Amino acid sequence: MLDTSVQIYQGQFGEFTITDEDRHGVIAYRSSLLVAAICFGIGTAVAILIPNSTDLNLLTWLYAGFCVALGIALNKIHIYFKLLHQTLQVFWGIGCVISLGLTAIAMQNNQPLAVYIYENPLSILGVGFTFAALTGIYFKEAFCFNRLETKFLVAIAPALLIGHLLGLLSIDIERYLLMTWVVLFLIFAMRKLFQDIPSDIGDKSVFDYLARTEKSI
């Protein structure tokens, strides 16, 4: 249940209040992160437990759910540096568009998207934009809240993707990194549910100041 009491906060550039709309935005951000983590976790479980299955199309749908949830999270996240926020959103958009194209190519080859990407490492240069956006969220959370799991995630995500792209990792190492990624992602997403809402909103006076400064330029 949302706290409807009005509380005035003192920010760096003045006083501000937190509205129900702000709270709903934070709830949407955290919920979408959890959905993305669950989709990622189920997809990983399917890939590891039934790697020889001829029908891995479920992974394509799980990836689609992951991308939608990530897009919502990037829309609702509060980041003071507007250019960084927009860059992460652009990365997500590029990754999604390229993923659609790769899905079409994979379908023409009668392959699930995940199998096509795994067998064609260069495709990571495209879908990697999506995961770069996710890593941006990890970085923001590590920087703002000093979360231990996100510090590891900032390193694990690019290490796994770049390692596979360059052929530097064995299958066992890739499997270990992927499982570690899933566990830490789920821990991160679930811990966010119990974090106080105002901390995710941040100092609204800073956002107001930056908006006024942008208009005056």
C-alpha atoms as a PDB file:
ATOM      1  CA  MET A   1       0.000   0.000   0.000  1.00  0.00           C
ATOM      2  CA  LEU A   2       1.341   3.408  -0.969  1.00  0.00           C
ATOM      3  CA  ASP A   3       2.117   5.984   1.671  1.00  0.00           C
ATOM      4  CA  THR A   4      -0.150   8.921   0.817  1.00  0.00           C
ATOM      5  CA  SER A   5       1.184  11.252   3.510  1.00  0.00           C
ATOM      6  CA  VAL A   6       2.814  14.417   2.211  1.00  0.00           C
ATOM      7  CA  GLN A   7       6.389  14.835   3.348  1.00  0.00           C
ATOM      8  CA  ILE A   8       8.641  17.705   2.363  1.00  0.00           C
ATOM      9  CA  TYR A   9      12.241  16.848   1.550  1.00  0.00           C
ATOM     10  CA  GLN A  10      15.160  19.241   1.483  1.00  0.00           C
ATOM     11  CA  GLY A  11      17.156  18.832  -1.699  1.00  0.00           C
ATOM     12  CA  GLN A  12      20.360  20.401  -2.927  1.00  0.00           C
ATOM     13  CA  PHE A  13      18.482  23.072  -4.869  1.00  0.00           C
ATOM     14  CA  GLY A  14      15.356  23.451  -2.760  1.00  0.00           C
ATOM     15  CA  GLU A  15      12.450  21.600  -1.230  1.00  0.00           C
ATOM     16  CA  PHE A  16      10.421  18.934  -2.992  1.00  0.00           C
ATOM     17  CA  THR A  17       7.700  16.388  -2.335  1.00  0.00           C
ATOM     18  CA  ILE A  18       7.207  12.838  -3.549  1.00  0.00           C
ATOM     19  CA  THR A  19       3.896  12.174  -5.274  1.00  0.00           C
ATOM     20  CA  ASP A  20       1.933   8.990  -5.855  1.00  0.00           C
ATOM     21  CA  GLU A  21       3.020   9.207  -9.485  1.00  0.00           C
ATOM     22  CA  ASP A  22       6.654   9.138  -8.340  1.00  0.00           C
ATOM     23  CA  ARG A  23       5.968   6.109  -6.166  1.00  0.00           C
ATOM     24  CA  HIS A  24       4.146   4.283  -8.943  1.00  0.00           C
ATOM     25  CA  GLY A  25       7.104   4.971 -11.222  1.00  0.00           C
ATOM     26  CA  VAL A  26       9.507   3.363  -8.756  1.00  0.00           C
ATOM     27  CA  ILE A  27       7.210   0.356  -8.339  1.00  0.00           C
ATOM     28  CA  ALA A  28       7.059  -0.022 -12.128  1.00  0.00           C
ATOM     29  CA  TYR A  29      10.865   0.206 -12.318  1.00  0.00           C
ATOM     30  CA  ARG A  30      11.404  -2.447  -9.684  1.00  0.00           C
ATOM     31  CA  SER A  31       8.667  -4.735 -10.995  1.00  0.00           C
ATOM     32  CA  SER A  32      10.041  -4.588 -14.528  1.00  0.00           C
ATOM     33  CA  LEU A  33      13.533  -5.389 -13.259  1.00  0.00           C
ATOM     34  CA  LEU A  34      12.127  -8.451 -11.498  1.00  0.00           C
ATOM     35  CA  VAL A  35      10.272  -9.561 -14.637  1.00  0.00           C
ATOM     36  CA  ALA A  36      13.451  -9.124 -16.686  1.00  0.00           C
ATOM     37  CA  ALA A  37      15.438 -11.153 -14.128  1.00  0.00           C
ATOM     38  CA  ILE A  38      12.831 -13.932 -14.087  1.00  0.00           C
ATOM     39  CA  CYS A  39      12.731 -14.130 -17.898  1.00  0.00           C
ATOM     40  CA  PHE A  40      16.525 -14.219 -17.952  1.00  0.00           C
ATOM     41  CA  GLY A  41      16.613 -16.881 -15.252  1.00  0.00           C
ATOM     42  CA  ILE A  42      14.034 -19.162 -16.869  1.00  0.00           C
ATOM     43  CA  GLY A  43      15.731 -18.786 -20.227  1.00  0.00           C
ATOM     44  CA  THR A  44      19.076 -19.749 -18.730  1.00  0.00           C
ATOM     45  CA  ALA A  45      17.549 -22.771 -16.996  1.00  0.00           C
ATOM     46  CA  VAL A  46      15.985 -23.944 -20.260  1.00  0.00           C
ATOM     47  CA  ALA A  47      19.246 -23.464 -22.178  1.00  0.00           C
ATOM     48  CA  ILE A  48      21.314 -25.342 -19.591  1.00  0.00           C
ATOM     49  CA  LEU A  49      18.889 -28.136 -18.704  1.00  0.00           C
ATOM     50  CA  ILE A  50      17.729 -28.971 -22.230  1.00  0.00           C
ATOM     51  CA  PRO A  51      20.579 -27.728 -24.451  1.00  0.00           C
ATOM     52  CA  ASN A  52      19.967 -30.459 -27.039  1.00  0.00           C
ATOM     53  CA  SER A  53      16.261 -29.779 -27.395  1.00  0.00           C
ATOM     54  CA  THR A  54      15.121 -29.177 -30.962  1.00  0.00           C
ATOM     55  CA  ASP A  55      12.527 -26.693 -29.754  1.00  0.00           C
ATOM     56  CA  LEU A  56      14.133 -23.760 -27.983  1.00  0.00           C
ATOM     57  CA  ASN A  57      11.724 -21.183 -29.394  1.00  0.00           C
ATOM     58  CA  LEU A  58      10.590 -20.546 -25.828  1.00  0.00           C
ATOM     59  CA  LEU A  59      13.876 -18.687 -25.369  1.00  0.00           C
ATOM     60  CA  THR A  60      12.880 -16.231 -28.088  1.00  0.00           C
ATOM     61  CA  TRP A  61       9.669 -15.363 -26.247  1.00  0.00           C
ATOM     62  CA  LEU A  62      11.482 -15.113 -22.934  1.00  0.00           C
ATOM     63  CA  TYR A  63      14.021 -12.783 -24.540  1.00  0.00           C
ATOM     64  CA  ALA A  64      11.152 -10.675 -25.907  1.00  0.00           C
ATOM     65  CA  GLY A  65       9.666 -10.434 -22.400  1.00  0.00           C
ATOM     66  CA  PHE A  66      13.087  -9.539 -21.046  1.00  0.00           C
ATOM     67  CA  CYS A  67      13.481  -6.745 -23.616  1.00  0.00           C
ATOM     68  CA  VAL A  68      10.032  -5.280 -22.922  1.00  0.00           C
ATOM     69  CA  ALA A  69      10.628  -5.323 -19.165  1.00  0.00           C
ATOM     70  CA  LEU A  70      14.066  -3.763 -19.608  1.00  0.00           C
ATOM     71  CA  GLY A  71      12.559  -1.019 -21.760  1.00  0.00           C
ATOM     72  CA  ILE A  72      10.051  -0.165 -19.033  1.00  0.00           C
ATOM     73  CA  ALA A  73      12.811  -0.125 -16.424  1.00  0.00           C
ATOM     74  CA  LEU A  74      14.889   2.249 -18.540  1.00  0.00           C
ATOM     75  CA  ASN A  75      11.871   4.515 -18.941  1.00  0.00           C
ATOM     76  CA  LYS A  76      11.189   4.653 -15.201  1.00  0.00           C
ATOM     77  CA  ILE A  77      14.726   4.743 -13.796  1.00  0.00           C
ATOM     78  CA  HIS A  78      15.900   8.006 -12.240  1.00  0.00           C
ATOM     79  CA  ILE A  79      19.327   9.112 -13.492  1.00  0.00           C
ATOM     80  CA  TYR A  80      20.572  12.658 -12.927  1.00  0.00           C
ATOM     81  CA  PHE A  81      22.823  12.645 -15.992  1.00  0.00           C
ATOM     82  CA  LYS A  82      20.252  12.979 -18.793  1.00  0.00           C
ATOM     83  CA  LEU A  83      22.691  12.133 -21.584  1.00  0.00           C
ATOM     84  CA  LEU A  84      23.578   8.836 -19.897  1.00  0.00           C
ATOM     85  CA  HIS A  85      19.892   8.018 -19.451  1.00  0.00           C
ATOM     86  CA  GLN A  86      19.168   8.722 -23.103  1.00  0.00           C
ATOM     87  CA  THR A  87      22.231   6.756 -24.211  1.00  0.00           C
ATOM     88  CA  LEU A  88      21.042   3.674 -22.337  1.00  0.00           C
ATOM     89  CA  GLN A  89      17.618   4.020 -23.940  1.00  0.00           C
ATOM     90  CA  VAL A  90      19.190   4.355 -27.391  1.00  0.00           C
ATOM     91  CA  PHE A  91      21.324   1.266 -26.739  1.00  0.00           C
ATOM     92  CA  TRP A  92      18.183  -0.642 -25.756  1.00  0.00           C
ATOM     93  CA  GLY A  93      16.421   0.496 -28.927  1.00  0.00           C
ATOM     94  CA  ILE A  94      19.329  -0.495 -31.168  1.00  0.00           C
ATOM     95  CA  GLY A  95      19.580  -3.874 -29.483  1.00  0.00           C
ATOM     96  CA  CYS A  96      15.855  -4.540 -29.882  1.00  0.00           C
ATOM     97  CA  VAL A  97      15.809  -3.565 -33.560  1.00  0.00           C
ATOM     98  CA  ILE A  98      18.818  -5.741 -34.337  1.00  0.00           C
ATOM     99  CA  SER A  99      17.291  -8.585 -32.315  1.00  0.00           C
ATOM    100  CA  LEU A 100      14.172  -8.429 -34.489  1.00  0.00           C
ATOM    101  CA  GLY A 101      16.332  -8.625 -37.590  1.00  0.00           C
ATOM    102  CA  LEU A 102      18.302 -11.570 -36.203  1.00  0.00           C
ATOM    103  CA  THR A 103      15.057 -13.303 -35.272  1.00  0.00           C
ATOM    104  CA  ALA A 104      13.907 -13.052 -38.884  1.00  0.00           C
ATOM    105  CA  ILE A 105      17.236 -14.450 -40.110  1.00  0.00           C
ATOM    106  CA  ALA A 106      17.108 -17.265 -37.543  1.00  0.00           C
ATOM    107  CA  MET A 107      13.569 -18.176 -38.621  1.00  0.00           C
ATOM    108  CA  GLN A 108      14.716 -18.403 -42.233  1.00  0.00           C
ATOM    109  CA  ASN A 109      17.371 -20.879 -41.068  1.00  0.00           C
ATOM    110  CA  ASN A 110      14.823 -22.787 -38.944  1.00  0.00           C
ATOM    111  CA  GLN A 111      16.736 -21.915 -35.781  1.00  0.00           C
ATOM    112  CA  PRO A 112      15.643 -20.380 -32.476  1.00  0.00           C
ATOM    113  CA  LEU A 113      17.159 -16.940 -31.910  1.00  0.00           C
ATOM    114  CA  ALA A 114      19.297 -18.124 -28.990  1.00  0.00           C
ATOM    115  CA  VAL A 115      20.845 -20.936 -31.025  1.00  0.00           C
ATOM    116  CA  TYR A 116      21.569 -18.604 -33.938  1.00  0.00           C
ATOM    117  CA  ILE A 117      23.292 -16.072 -31.670  1.00  0.00           C
ATOM    118  CA  TYR A 118      25.319 -18.777 -29.930  1.00  0.00           C
ATOM    119  CA  GLU A 119      26.489 -20.266 -33.215  1.00  0.00           C
ATOM    120  CA  ASN A 120      27.176 -16.837 -34.750  1.00  0.00           C
ATOM    121  CA  PRO A 121      29.154 -14.895 -32.126  1.00  0.00           C
ATOM    122  CA  LEU A 122      29.398 -11.780 -34.303  1.00  0.00           C
ATOM    123  CA  SER A 123      25.665 -11.253 -33.710  1.00  0.00           C
ATOM    124  CA  ILE A 124      26.599 -10.251 -30.161  1.00  0.00           C
ATOM    125  CA  LEU A 125      27.804  -6.962 -31.658  1.00  0.00           C
ATOM    126  CA  GLY A 126      24.104  -6.263 -32.236  1.00  0.00           C
ATOM    127  CA  VAL A 127      22.204  -7.775 -29.300  1.00  0.00           C
ATOM    128  CA  GLY A 128      25.057  -6.640 -27.077  1.00  0.00           C
ATOM    129  CA  PHE A 129      23.564  -3.151 -27.147  1.00  0.00           C
ATOM    130  CA  THR A 130      20.590  -4.480 -25.182  1.00  0.00           C
ATOM    131  CA  PHE A 131      22.854  -5.930 -22.529  1.00  0.00           C
ATOM    132  CA  ALA A 132      24.983  -2.782 -22.502  1.00  0.00           C
ATOM    133  CA  ALA A 133      21.816  -0.930 -21.472  1.00  0.00           C
ATOM    134  CA  LEU A 134      21.224  -3.489 -18.715  1.00  0.00           C
ATOM    135  CA  THR A 135      24.834  -3.130 -17.569  1.00  0.00           C
ATOM    136  CA  GLY A 136      24.213   0.614 -17.375  1.00  0.00           C
ATOM    137  CA  ILE A 137      21.485  -0.071 -14.829  1.00  0.00           C
ATOM    138  CA  TYR A 138      23.867  -2.290 -12.876  1.00  0.00           C
ATOM    139  CA  PHE A 139      26.476   0.482 -12.920  1.00  0.00           C
ATOM    140  CA  LYS A 140      23.978   3.110 -11.766  1.00  0.00           C
ATOM    141  CA  GLU A 141      22.824   0.918  -8.881  1.00  0.00           C
ATOM    142  CA  ALA A 142      26.393   0.060  -7.886  1.00  0.00           C
ATOM    143  CA  PHE A 143      27.417   3.727  -7.959  1.00  0.00           C
ATOM    144  CA  CYS A 144      24.354   5.109  -6.157  1.00  0.00           C
ATOM    145  CA  PHE A 145      23.675   2.360  -3.615  1.00  0.00           C
ATOM    146  CA  ASN A 146      26.989   0.506  -3.358  1.00  0.00           C
ATOM    147  CA  ARG A 147      25.271  -2.835  -3.993  1.00  0.00           C
ATOM    148  CA  LEU A 148      27.752  -5.705  -3.924  1.00  0.00           C
ATOM    149  CA  GLU A 149      25.879  -7.876  -6.427  1.00  0.00           C
ATOM    150  CA  THR A 150      25.711  -5.107  -9.024  1.00  0.00           C
ATOM    151  CA  LYS A 151      29.461  -4.527  -8.741  1.00  0.00           C
ATOM    152  CA  PHE A 152      29.976  -8.131  -9.832  1.00  0.00           C
ATOM    153  CA  LEU A 153      27.283  -7.859 -12.512  1.00  0.00           C
ATOM    154  CA  VAL A 154      29.005  -4.848 -14.069  1.00  0.00           C
ATOM    155  CA  ALA A 155      31.987  -7.114 -14.722  1.00  0.00           C
ATOM    156  CA  ILE A 156      30.284 -10.445 -15.424  1.00  0.00           C
ATOM    157  CA  ALA A 157      27.867  -9.304 -18.140  1.00  0.00           C
ATOM    158  CA  PRO A 158      30.455  -7.802 -20.536  1.00  0.00           C
ATOM    159  CA  ALA A 159      33.022 -10.491 -19.669  1.00  0.00           C
ATOM    160  CA  LEU A 160      30.668 -13.264 -20.779  1.00  0.00           C
ATOM    161  CA  LEU A 161      29.488 -11.523 -23.941  1.00  0.00           C
ATOM    162  CA  ILE A 162      32.912 -10.332 -25.067  1.00  0.00           C
ATOM    163  CA  GLY A 163      34.483 -13.633 -24.082  1.00  0.00           C
ATOM    164  CA  HIS A 164      32.038 -15.562 -26.273  1.00  0.00           C
ATOM    165  CA  LEU A 165      32.398 -13.049 -29.096  1.00  0.00           C
ATOM    166  CA  LEU A 166      36.177 -13.520 -29.159  1.00  0.00           C
ATOM    167  CA  GLY A 167      36.066 -17.251 -28.450  1.00  0.00           C
ATOM    168  CA  LEU A 168      38.090 -16.869 -25.267  1.00  0.00           C
ATOM    169  CA  LEU A 169      35.883 -18.916 -22.935  1.00  0.00           C
ATOM    170  CA  SER A 170      35.260 -22.618 -22.631  1.00  0.00           C
ATOM    171  CA  ILE A 171      31.696 -23.923 -22.466  1.00  0.00           C
ATOM    172  CA  ASP A 172      32.093 -24.706 -18.760  1.00  0.00           C
ATOM    173  CA  ILE A 173      33.289 -21.183 -17.946  1.00  0.00           C
ATOM    174  CA  GLU A 174      30.454 -19.663 -19.983  1.00  0.00           C
ATOM    175  CA  ARG A 175      27.947 -21.846 -18.143  1.00  0.00           C
ATOM    176  CA  TYR A 176      29.406 -20.837 -14.763  1.00  0.00           C
ATOM    177  CA  LEU A 177      29.376 -17.123 -15.606  1.00  0.00           C
ATOM    178  CA  LEU A 178      25.827 -17.345 -16.949  1.00  0.00           C
ATOM    179  CA  MET A 179      24.521 -19.084 -13.818  1.00  0.00           C
ATOM    180  CA  THR A 180      26.327 -16.569 -11.615  1.00  0.00           C
ATOM    181  CA  TRP A 181      24.793 -13.744 -13.657  1.00  0.00           C
ATOM    182  CA  VAL A 182      21.298 -15.195 -13.155  1.00  0.00           C
ATOM    183  CA  VAL A 183      21.680 -15.649  -9.407  1.00  0.00           C
ATOM    184  CA  LEU A 184      23.074 -12.159  -8.844  1.00  0.00           C
ATOM    185  CA  PHE A 185      20.477 -10.577 -11.140  1.00  0.00           C
ATOM    186  CA  LEU A 186      17.652 -12.244  -9.192  1.00  0.00           C
ATOM    187  CA  ILE A 187      19.203 -11.209  -5.873  1.00  0.00           C
ATOM    188  CA  PHE A 188      19.516  -7.643  -7.124  1.00  0.00           C
ATOM    189  CA  ALA A 189      15.934  -7.497  -8.424  1.00  0.00           C
ATOM    190  CA  MET A 190      14.440  -9.002  -5.266  1.00  0.00           C
ATOM    191  CA  ARG A 191      16.450  -6.763  -2.932  1.00  0.00           C
ATOM    192  CA  LYS A 192      15.144  -3.736  -4.816  1.00  0.00           C
ATOM    193  CA  LEU A 193      11.603  -4.654  -3.744  1.00  0.00           C
ATOM    194  CA  PHE A 194      12.484  -3.961  -0.108  1.00  0.00           C
ATOM    195  CA  GLN A 195      14.397  -0.726  -0.648  1.00  0.00           C
ATOM    196  CA  ASP A 196      12.718   2.473   0.525  1.00  0.00           C
ATOM    197  CA  ILE A 197      10.966   4.218  -2.357  1.00  0.00           C
ATOM    198  CA  PRO A 198      12.342   7.778  -1.866  1.00  0.00           C
ATOM    199  CA  SER A 199      15.925   6.587  -2.332  1.00  0.00           C
ATOM    200  CA  ASP A 200      15.102   5.390  -5.862  1.00  0.00           C
ATOM    201  CA  ILE A 201      13.480   8.719  -6.698  1.00  0.00           C
ATOM    202  CA  GLY A 202      16.498  10.694  -5.598  1.00  0.00           C
ATOM    203  CA  ASP A 203      16.766  14.444  -5.175  1.00  0.00           C
ATOM    204  CA  LYS A 204      13.971  15.865  -7.335  1.00  0.00           C
ATOM    205  CA  SER A 205      15.344  19.368  -6.879  1.00  0.00           C
ATOM    206  CA  VAL A 206      18.363  18.310  -8.934  1.00  0.00           C
ATOM    207  CA  PHE A 207      16.118  17.160 -11.798  1.00  0.00           C
ATOM    208  CA  ASP A 208      14.193  20.451 -11.609  1.00  0.00           C
ATOM    209  CA  TYR A 209      17.426  22.457 -11.608  1.00  0.00           C
ATOM    210  CA  LEU A 210      18.801  20.572 -14.591  1.00  0.00           C
ATOM    211  CA  ALA A 211      15.524  21.035 -16.478  1.00  0.00           C
ATOM    212  CA  ARG A 212      15.585  24.794 -15.833  1.00  0.00           C
ATOM    213  CA  THR A 213      19.230  25.011 -16.867  1.00  0.00           C
ATOM    214  CA  GLU A 214      18.512  23.155 -20.109  1.00  0.00           C
ATOM    215  CA  LYS A 215      15.664  25.518 -20.964  1.00  0.00           C
ATOM    216  CA  SER A 216      17.821  28.576 -20.334  1.00  0.00           C
ATOM    217  CA  ILE A 217      20.535  27.421 -22.738  1.00  0.00           C
END
